[in-house]
N, C-alpha and C. Protein backbone atom coordinates (compact mmCIF):
# COMPACT_ATOMS: atom_id res chain seq x y z
N MET A 1 196.60 -17.52 -75.92
CA MET A 1 196.93 -19.02 -75.56
C MET A 1 197.87 -19.33 -76.58
N LEU A 2 198.26 -20.70 -75.88
CA LEU A 2 199.89 -20.77 -76.17
C LEU A 2 199.68 -21.91 -76.70
N ASP A 3 200.01 -22.77 -77.88
CA ASP A 3 200.16 -24.08 -78.33
C ASP A 3 201.10 -24.36 -78.12
N PRO A 4 201.40 -25.75 -76.86
CA PRO A 4 203.08 -26.11 -76.04
C PRO A 4 203.77 -26.45 -77.99
N ALA A 5 202.76 -27.51 -78.83
CA ALA A 5 203.54 -28.07 -79.36
C ALA A 5 204.56 -26.92 -80.44
N SER A 6 203.70 -25.70 -81.17
CA SER A 6 204.52 -25.34 -82.16
C SER A 6 205.03 -23.55 -81.37
N GLY A 7 204.81 -23.64 -79.84
CA GLY A 7 205.54 -22.66 -79.87
C GLY A 7 204.63 -21.16 -79.85
N LYS A 8 203.22 -21.16 -80.96
CA LYS A 8 202.54 -20.11 -81.32
C LYS A 8 201.62 -19.52 -80.33
N LEU A 9 201.72 -18.32 -79.95
CA LEU A 9 200.52 -17.34 -78.89
C LEU A 9 199.15 -16.92 -79.99
N GLU A 10 197.86 -17.57 -79.24
CA GLU A 10 196.99 -16.67 -80.12
C GLU A 10 196.00 -15.93 -78.71
N VAL A 11 195.64 -14.91 -79.16
CA VAL A 11 194.51 -14.18 -78.28
C VAL A 11 193.10 -14.72 -78.59
N LEU A 12 192.83 -14.87 -77.37
CA LEU A 12 191.20 -15.48 -77.15
C LEU A 12 190.95 -14.58 -76.84
N LYS A 13 189.32 -15.07 -77.20
CA LYS A 13 188.13 -13.77 -76.82
C LYS A 13 187.17 -15.17 -76.02
N GLY A 14 186.39 -14.13 -75.16
CA GLY A 14 185.18 -14.91 -74.45
C GLY A 14 185.17 -14.43 -72.83
N GLU A 15 184.42 -15.61 -72.10
CA GLU A 15 184.79 -15.83 -71.09
C GLU A 15 185.46 -16.17 -70.26
N PHE A 16 186.46 -15.97 -69.91
CA PHE A 16 187.02 -17.32 -68.55
C PHE A 16 187.31 -17.18 -66.90
N GLU A 17 186.51 -16.24 -66.81
CA GLU A 17 186.37 -16.02 -65.24
C GLU A 17 186.16 -17.76 -63.97
N PRO A 18 184.99 -18.08 -64.77
CA PRO A 18 184.81 -19.87 -64.48
C PRO A 18 186.06 -20.57 -64.52
N LEU A 19 187.30 -20.26 -64.75
CA LEU A 19 188.44 -21.22 -64.77
C LEU A 19 189.12 -20.81 -64.20
N GLY A 20 188.71 -19.33 -63.32
CA GLY A 20 190.03 -19.45 -62.21
C GLY A 20 189.20 -19.72 -60.92
N ASP A 21 187.73 -20.51 -61.21
CA ASP A 21 186.82 -20.27 -59.65
C ASP A 21 186.92 -22.20 -59.48
N GLN A 22 188.81 -22.68 -59.57
CA GLN A 22 188.65 -23.65 -59.47
C GLN A 22 190.01 -24.79 -58.83
N ASP A 23 189.82 -23.31 -57.55
CA ASP A 23 191.20 -23.86 -56.35
C ASP A 23 191.25 -25.16 -55.53
N PHE A 24 189.36 -24.84 -54.85
CA PHE A 24 189.17 -26.20 -54.22
C PHE A 24 188.50 -27.25 -54.92
N ARG A 25 188.02 -27.52 -56.01
CA ARG A 25 186.83 -28.44 -56.51
C ARG A 25 187.30 -28.15 -57.78
N PRO A 26 187.35 -28.96 -59.24
CA PRO A 26 186.88 -28.07 -60.92
C PRO A 26 185.38 -28.46 -60.49
N LEU A 27 185.01 -27.51 -61.52
CA LEU A 27 183.68 -27.35 -62.50
C LEU A 27 182.88 -28.64 -62.50
N GLN A 28 182.04 -28.58 -62.08
CA GLN A 28 180.84 -29.33 -62.23
C GLN A 28 180.81 -29.77 -64.07
N PRO A 29 180.52 -31.19 -64.04
CA PRO A 29 180.01 -30.95 -65.84
C PRO A 29 178.42 -31.26 -65.79
N VAL A 30 177.63 -30.88 -66.61
CA VAL A 30 176.12 -30.67 -66.87
C VAL A 30 176.42 -32.44 -67.83
N ALA A 31 175.28 -32.50 -66.84
CA ALA A 31 174.88 -34.24 -67.22
C ALA A 31 174.61 -34.55 -69.20
N GLY A 32 175.33 -34.92 -69.65
CA GLY A 32 174.57 -35.45 -71.43
C GLY A 32 175.23 -34.35 -71.68
N SER A 33 176.60 -33.57 -71.49
CA SER A 33 177.15 -32.42 -72.53
C SER A 33 178.29 -32.61 -71.98
N ARG A 34 179.10 -31.67 -73.16
CA ARG A 34 180.40 -31.01 -72.90
C ARG A 34 180.35 -29.76 -71.80
N GLU A 35 179.28 -29.24 -71.31
CA GLU A 35 179.55 -28.17 -70.40
C GLU A 35 179.60 -28.32 -69.41
N TYR A 36 180.07 -27.30 -68.47
CA TYR A 36 180.10 -27.13 -66.89
C TYR A 36 179.09 -26.08 -66.55
N TRP A 37 178.57 -26.96 -64.91
CA TRP A 37 177.97 -25.91 -63.98
C TRP A 37 178.72 -24.34 -63.75
N ALA A 38 178.22 -23.24 -64.03
CA ALA A 38 178.94 -21.67 -63.82
C ALA A 38 178.38 -20.83 -63.20
N ALA A 39 178.93 -20.08 -61.52
CA ALA A 39 178.34 -19.20 -61.23
C ALA A 39 179.49 -17.95 -61.58
N ILE A 40 178.96 -16.47 -61.83
CA ILE A 40 179.81 -15.61 -62.18
C ILE A 40 179.01 -14.47 -61.07
N PRO A 41 179.46 -13.91 -60.37
CA PRO A 41 178.76 -13.04 -59.64
C PRO A 41 179.57 -11.63 -60.08
N ASP A 42 178.50 -10.47 -60.31
CA ASP A 42 178.88 -9.47 -60.14
C ASP A 42 178.77 -8.60 -59.64
N SER A 43 180.10 -7.63 -58.74
CA SER A 43 179.58 -7.00 -57.68
C SER A 43 179.25 -5.45 -57.93
N GLU A 44 179.20 -5.09 -59.26
CA GLU A 44 178.49 -3.70 -59.46
C GLU A 44 176.99 -3.88 -59.33
N LYS A 45 176.47 -4.87 -60.02
CA LYS A 45 175.32 -5.71 -59.98
C LYS A 45 174.53 -6.07 -58.70
N ASN A 46 175.77 -6.11 -57.93
CA ASN A 46 175.13 -7.35 -56.45
C ASN A 46 174.23 -8.48 -56.75
N LEU A 47 174.39 -9.12 -58.06
CA LEU A 47 173.82 -10.51 -58.18
C LEU A 47 175.28 -11.64 -58.68
N THR A 48 174.47 -12.57 -58.98
CA THR A 48 175.60 -13.53 -59.72
C THR A 48 174.58 -14.80 -60.21
N ARG A 49 175.05 -14.24 -61.56
CA ARG A 49 174.13 -15.07 -62.76
C ARG A 49 175.06 -16.92 -62.75
N VAL A 50 174.15 -17.28 -62.56
CA VAL A 50 174.13 -19.29 -62.61
C VAL A 50 173.71 -19.72 -63.94
N GLY A 51 174.77 -20.49 -65.03
CA GLY A 51 174.55 -21.03 -66.03
C GLY A 51 175.42 -22.32 -66.25
N ARG A 52 175.65 -22.34 -67.60
CA ARG A 52 176.50 -23.46 -68.06
C ARG A 52 177.28 -22.79 -69.21
N TYR A 53 178.82 -23.54 -68.62
CA TYR A 53 180.02 -22.90 -69.49
C TYR A 53 180.87 -23.84 -69.91
N ASP A 54 181.07 -23.61 -71.93
CA ASP A 54 181.45 -24.15 -72.36
C ASP A 54 182.90 -24.49 -72.65
N THR A 55 183.97 -25.05 -72.53
CA THR A 55 185.10 -24.90 -71.72
C THR A 55 185.99 -24.02 -73.01
N ARG A 56 185.68 -25.13 -74.10
CA ARG A 56 186.19 -25.11 -75.64
C ARG A 56 185.94 -24.09 -76.60
N ALA A 57 184.59 -23.30 -75.98
CA ALA A 57 184.11 -22.23 -76.90
C ALA A 57 184.43 -20.96 -75.80
N PHE A 58 184.74 -20.75 -74.82
CA PHE A 58 185.05 -20.28 -73.25
C PHE A 58 183.54 -19.16 -73.75
N SER A 59 182.68 -19.67 -73.77
CA SER A 59 180.85 -19.32 -73.12
C SER A 59 180.47 -19.56 -72.47
N PHE A 60 179.51 -18.73 -71.98
CA PHE A 60 178.67 -18.70 -71.08
C PHE A 60 177.22 -18.80 -71.31
N LYS A 61 176.44 -19.67 -70.91
CA LYS A 61 174.80 -19.45 -71.44
C LYS A 61 174.42 -19.04 -69.61
N PRO A 62 173.88 -17.41 -69.80
CA PRO A 62 173.21 -17.65 -68.11
C PRO A 62 171.86 -18.33 -68.00
N LEU A 63 171.31 -18.53 -66.98
CA LEU A 63 169.88 -19.25 -66.77
C LEU A 63 168.96 -19.08 -66.21
N MET A 64 170.15 -17.99 -65.22
CA MET A 64 169.48 -16.97 -63.71
C MET A 64 169.99 -16.51 -63.36
N GLU A 65 170.00 -15.41 -62.48
CA GLU A 65 170.35 -14.59 -61.69
C GLU A 65 170.16 -14.13 -60.46
N ILE A 66 170.69 -14.46 -59.24
CA ILE A 66 170.11 -14.73 -58.42
C ILE A 66 171.33 -12.87 -57.55
N PRO A 67 169.92 -12.40 -57.24
CA PRO A 67 169.72 -10.88 -56.63
C PRO A 67 170.84 -11.00 -55.02
N GLU A 68 171.40 -10.29 -54.90
CA GLU A 68 171.92 -9.83 -53.57
C GLU A 68 172.45 -11.01 -52.71
N ILE A 69 173.09 -12.20 -53.75
CA ILE A 69 174.48 -13.00 -52.90
C ILE A 69 175.51 -13.56 -54.33
N TYR A 70 176.44 -13.01 -53.58
CA TYR A 70 177.47 -13.25 -54.33
C TYR A 70 178.91 -14.46 -54.01
N PHE A 71 178.91 -15.54 -55.12
CA PHE A 71 179.33 -16.24 -55.00
C PHE A 71 179.81 -16.70 -56.14
N THR A 72 180.67 -17.85 -55.78
CA THR A 72 181.14 -18.50 -57.15
C THR A 72 181.18 -20.01 -57.93
N SER A 73 181.39 -20.51 -58.52
CA SER A 73 181.53 -21.92 -59.24
C SER A 73 181.31 -23.55 -57.85
N GLU A 74 182.90 -22.87 -57.50
CA GLU A 74 182.84 -23.74 -56.11
C GLU A 74 182.63 -23.78 -55.08
N MET A 75 181.65 -23.07 -54.50
CA MET A 75 180.80 -22.55 -53.33
C MET A 75 179.56 -23.38 -53.52
N MET A 76 178.88 -23.40 -54.89
CA MET A 76 177.90 -24.34 -55.53
C MET A 76 177.67 -25.80 -56.11
N TRP A 77 176.80 -26.21 -56.26
CA TRP A 77 176.48 -27.92 -56.41
C TRP A 77 174.88 -27.86 -57.09
N VAL A 78 175.48 -28.40 -58.21
CA VAL A 78 173.32 -28.09 -58.82
C VAL A 78 173.42 -29.80 -59.10
N ASP A 79 172.13 -29.87 -58.51
CA ASP A 79 171.37 -31.66 -58.71
C ASP A 79 170.04 -31.09 -59.91
N GLU A 80 170.93 -31.65 -60.50
CA GLU A 80 169.62 -31.24 -62.15
C GLU A 80 168.88 -32.22 -61.81
N ALA A 81 168.29 -33.30 -61.55
CA ALA A 81 167.28 -34.29 -61.61
C ALA A 81 166.28 -33.11 -60.77
N ALA A 82 166.67 -32.74 -59.40
CA ALA A 82 166.01 -32.25 -58.51
C ALA A 82 165.48 -30.71 -59.12
N HIS A 83 166.37 -29.65 -59.90
CA HIS A 83 166.21 -28.65 -60.06
C HIS A 83 166.75 -27.74 -59.19
N ARG A 84 167.94 -28.12 -58.75
CA ARG A 84 168.08 -27.14 -57.39
C ARG A 84 169.80 -27.29 -57.77
N ILE A 85 169.82 -25.72 -57.00
CA ILE A 85 171.35 -25.41 -56.15
C ILE A 85 171.47 -25.37 -54.88
N TYR A 86 172.49 -26.02 -54.52
CA TYR A 86 172.80 -26.14 -53.27
C TYR A 86 174.30 -24.84 -52.95
N LEU A 87 174.12 -23.86 -52.17
CA LEU A 87 174.95 -22.78 -52.18
C LEU A 87 175.05 -22.72 -51.09
N ALA A 88 176.72 -22.96 -50.48
CA ALA A 88 176.94 -22.27 -49.37
C ALA A 88 177.82 -21.00 -49.13
N TYR A 89 176.94 -20.05 -48.36
CA TYR A 89 176.92 -18.95 -48.27
C TYR A 89 177.28 -18.19 -46.73
N ASN A 90 177.92 -17.85 -46.60
CA ASN A 90 177.93 -17.08 -44.82
C ASN A 90 177.41 -18.10 -44.00
N GLY A 91 178.18 -19.13 -43.97
CA GLY A 91 178.48 -20.58 -43.16
C GLY A 91 177.03 -21.04 -43.66
N HIS A 92 176.14 -21.00 -44.21
CA HIS A 92 174.90 -21.53 -43.92
C HIS A 92 174.42 -22.34 -45.60
N LEU A 93 174.03 -23.34 -45.50
CA LEU A 93 173.46 -24.01 -46.63
C LEU A 93 172.26 -23.70 -47.39
N LEU A 94 172.52 -23.37 -48.60
CA LEU A 94 171.00 -22.76 -49.04
C LEU A 94 170.29 -23.95 -50.09
N ARG A 95 169.22 -23.55 -50.36
CA ARG A 95 168.68 -24.53 -51.35
C ARG A 95 167.89 -23.46 -52.06
N LEU A 96 168.14 -23.39 -53.61
CA LEU A 96 167.66 -22.87 -54.25
C LEU A 96 166.34 -23.49 -55.38
N PRO A 97 165.93 -22.98 -56.23
CA PRO A 97 165.31 -23.66 -57.09
C PRO A 97 166.33 -23.61 -58.73
N LEU A 98 166.42 -24.28 -59.88
CA LEU A 98 167.09 -23.82 -60.79
C LEU A 98 166.13 -23.82 -61.91
N ALA A 99 165.91 -22.33 -62.44
CA ALA A 99 165.74 -22.11 -63.60
C ALA A 99 165.95 -22.95 -64.58
N VAL A 100 165.63 -23.79 -65.84
CA VAL A 100 166.35 -24.64 -66.47
C VAL A 100 165.69 -24.45 -67.55
N ASP A 101 166.21 -24.13 -68.90
CA ASP A 101 166.33 -23.47 -69.94
C ASP A 101 165.82 -24.65 -70.92
N GLN A 102 164.69 -24.92 -71.22
CA GLN A 102 164.29 -26.52 -71.30
C GLN A 102 165.22 -26.95 -73.21
N LYS A 103 165.31 -25.39 -73.89
CA LYS A 103 166.23 -25.66 -75.26
C LYS A 103 167.88 -26.22 -74.76
N SER A 104 168.30 -25.32 -73.64
CA SER A 104 169.79 -25.63 -73.80
C SER A 104 170.23 -27.00 -72.76
N SER A 105 168.88 -27.50 -72.53
CA SER A 105 169.29 -28.75 -71.37
C SER A 105 168.47 -30.04 -72.53
N GLY A 106 167.85 -29.79 -73.39
CA GLY A 106 168.10 -30.81 -74.35
C GLY A 106 166.60 -31.89 -73.91
N LYS A 107 165.57 -31.10 -73.23
CA LYS A 107 164.20 -31.83 -72.73
C LYS A 107 163.30 -30.94 -73.76
């Protein structure tokens, strides 16, 4: 990471993939927090992990794994109140239940 004021470079560790999935729209904020909803596809395991992403700590807290579907954060929208994920996949709109960890959601 580059500090523009000082010009100092620092090597950071963490999860950066969700930051690259913002070509058409930004990450969706999680209500009442400083985190964002994110989807991280895993082609080796043929699944996508959905969870909460902290852009300050570059950390990802997976809430669920969706097998046999490969998608990015841009392709989904989370309806927190209804506990649903809406997903554009292969020309179809899918609605999936959102598995919410009660501890991380503040409920």
